[in-house]
Protein backbone atom coordinates (compact mmCIF):
# COMPACT_ATOMS: atom_id res chain seq x y z
CA MET A 1 22.43 6.76 -12.50
CA THR A 2 19.41 5.48 -10.60
CA VAL A 3 15.97 5.29 -12.15
CA ALA A 4 12.88 4.61 -10.04
CA ARG A 5 9.28 3.86 -10.81
CA ILE A 6 6.12 4.43 -8.76
CA SER A 7 3.23 1.97 -8.68
CA GLU A 8 -0.12 2.64 -7.06
CA ILE A 9 -1.65 -0.19 -5.04
CA SER A 10 -4.57 -0.56 -2.65
CA SER A 11 -4.72 -2.65 0.50
CA VAL A 12 -7.54 -3.45 2.92
CA SER A 13 -7.41 -4.59 6.55
CA SER A 14 -10.12 -5.40 9.05
CA LYS A 15 -7.84 -4.19 11.89
CA SER A 16 -6.49 -0.69 11.13
CA PHE A 17 -5.01 1.71 8.60
CA GLU A 18 -1.54 0.83 9.89
CA ASP A 19 -2.18 -2.88 9.29
CA ALA A 20 -3.43 -2.13 5.76
CA ILE A 21 -0.18 -0.23 5.08
CA VAL A 22 2.00 -3.05 6.44
CA GLN A 23 0.11 -5.68 4.43
CA GLY A 24 0.33 -3.59 1.27
CA ILE A 25 4.10 -3.11 1.60
CA GLU A 26 4.66 -6.79 2.41
CA ARG A 27 2.72 -7.79 -0.69
CA ALA A 28 4.50 -5.24 -2.89
CA ASN A 29 7.85 -6.67 -1.76
CA LYS A 30 6.80 -10.11 -3.04
CA THR A 31 6.36 -8.78 -6.59
CA LEU A 32 8.54 -5.67 -6.88
CA LYS A 33 12.30 -5.62 -6.44
CA ASN A 34 14.19 -2.82 -4.69
CA VAL A 35 11.22 -1.20 -2.93
CA LYS A 36 12.59 1.99 -1.39
CA GLY A 37 9.59 3.88 -0.05
CA ALA A 38 5.87 4.50 -0.11
CA TRP A 39 3.39 7.20 0.76
CA VAL A 40 -0.29 7.02 1.58
CA LYS A 41 -2.20 8.76 -1.19
CA ASP A 42 -5.64 8.17 0.29
CA GLN A 43 -7.44 6.26 3.01
CA GLU A 44 -11.06 5.36 3.63
CA VAL A 45 -13.18 3.15 5.82
CA ILE A 46 -15.54 0.46 4.63
CA ILE A 47 -18.89 0.50 6.41
CA GLU A 48 -21.30 -2.43 6.66
CA ASN A 49 -24.54 -2.29 8.64
CA GLY A 50 -23.59 1.10 10.06
CA LYS A 51 -20.25 -0.09 11.47
CA VAL A 52 -16.67 0.14 10.25
CA SER A 53 -15.71 -3.24 8.80
CA GLY A 54 -12.47 -2.38 7.01
CA TYR A 55 -9.70 0.12 6.48
CA LYS A 56 -8.48 0.81 2.96
CA VAL A 57 -5.34 2.64 1.90
CA ILE A 58 -4.09 3.66 -1.53
CA LEU A 59 -0.28 3.54 -1.56
CA LYS A 60 2.24 4.92 -4.03
CA VAL A 61 5.17 2.52 -3.85
CA THR A 62 8.60 3.60 -5.17
CA PHE A 63 11.05 0.98 -6.41
CA VAL A 64 14.39 1.25 -8.18
CA LEU A 65 14.68 -0.31 -11.64
CA THR A 66 17.54 -2.72 -12.32
CA ASP A 67 19.37 -3.57 -15.54
């Protein structure tokens, strides 16, 4: 039997939404074992002085629990 858990994380990039996703998954892999998937729950831009300065994603990361 396999049991998985889902953790919600946020990640910000100054480059793009895709970069924020990649950075978030890379960081999750440093802490969580057996990461199997993720989905983007939400995304938003950060605006400073009328210009986009960052891209933020909220990710739901699925990982399999071990004994």
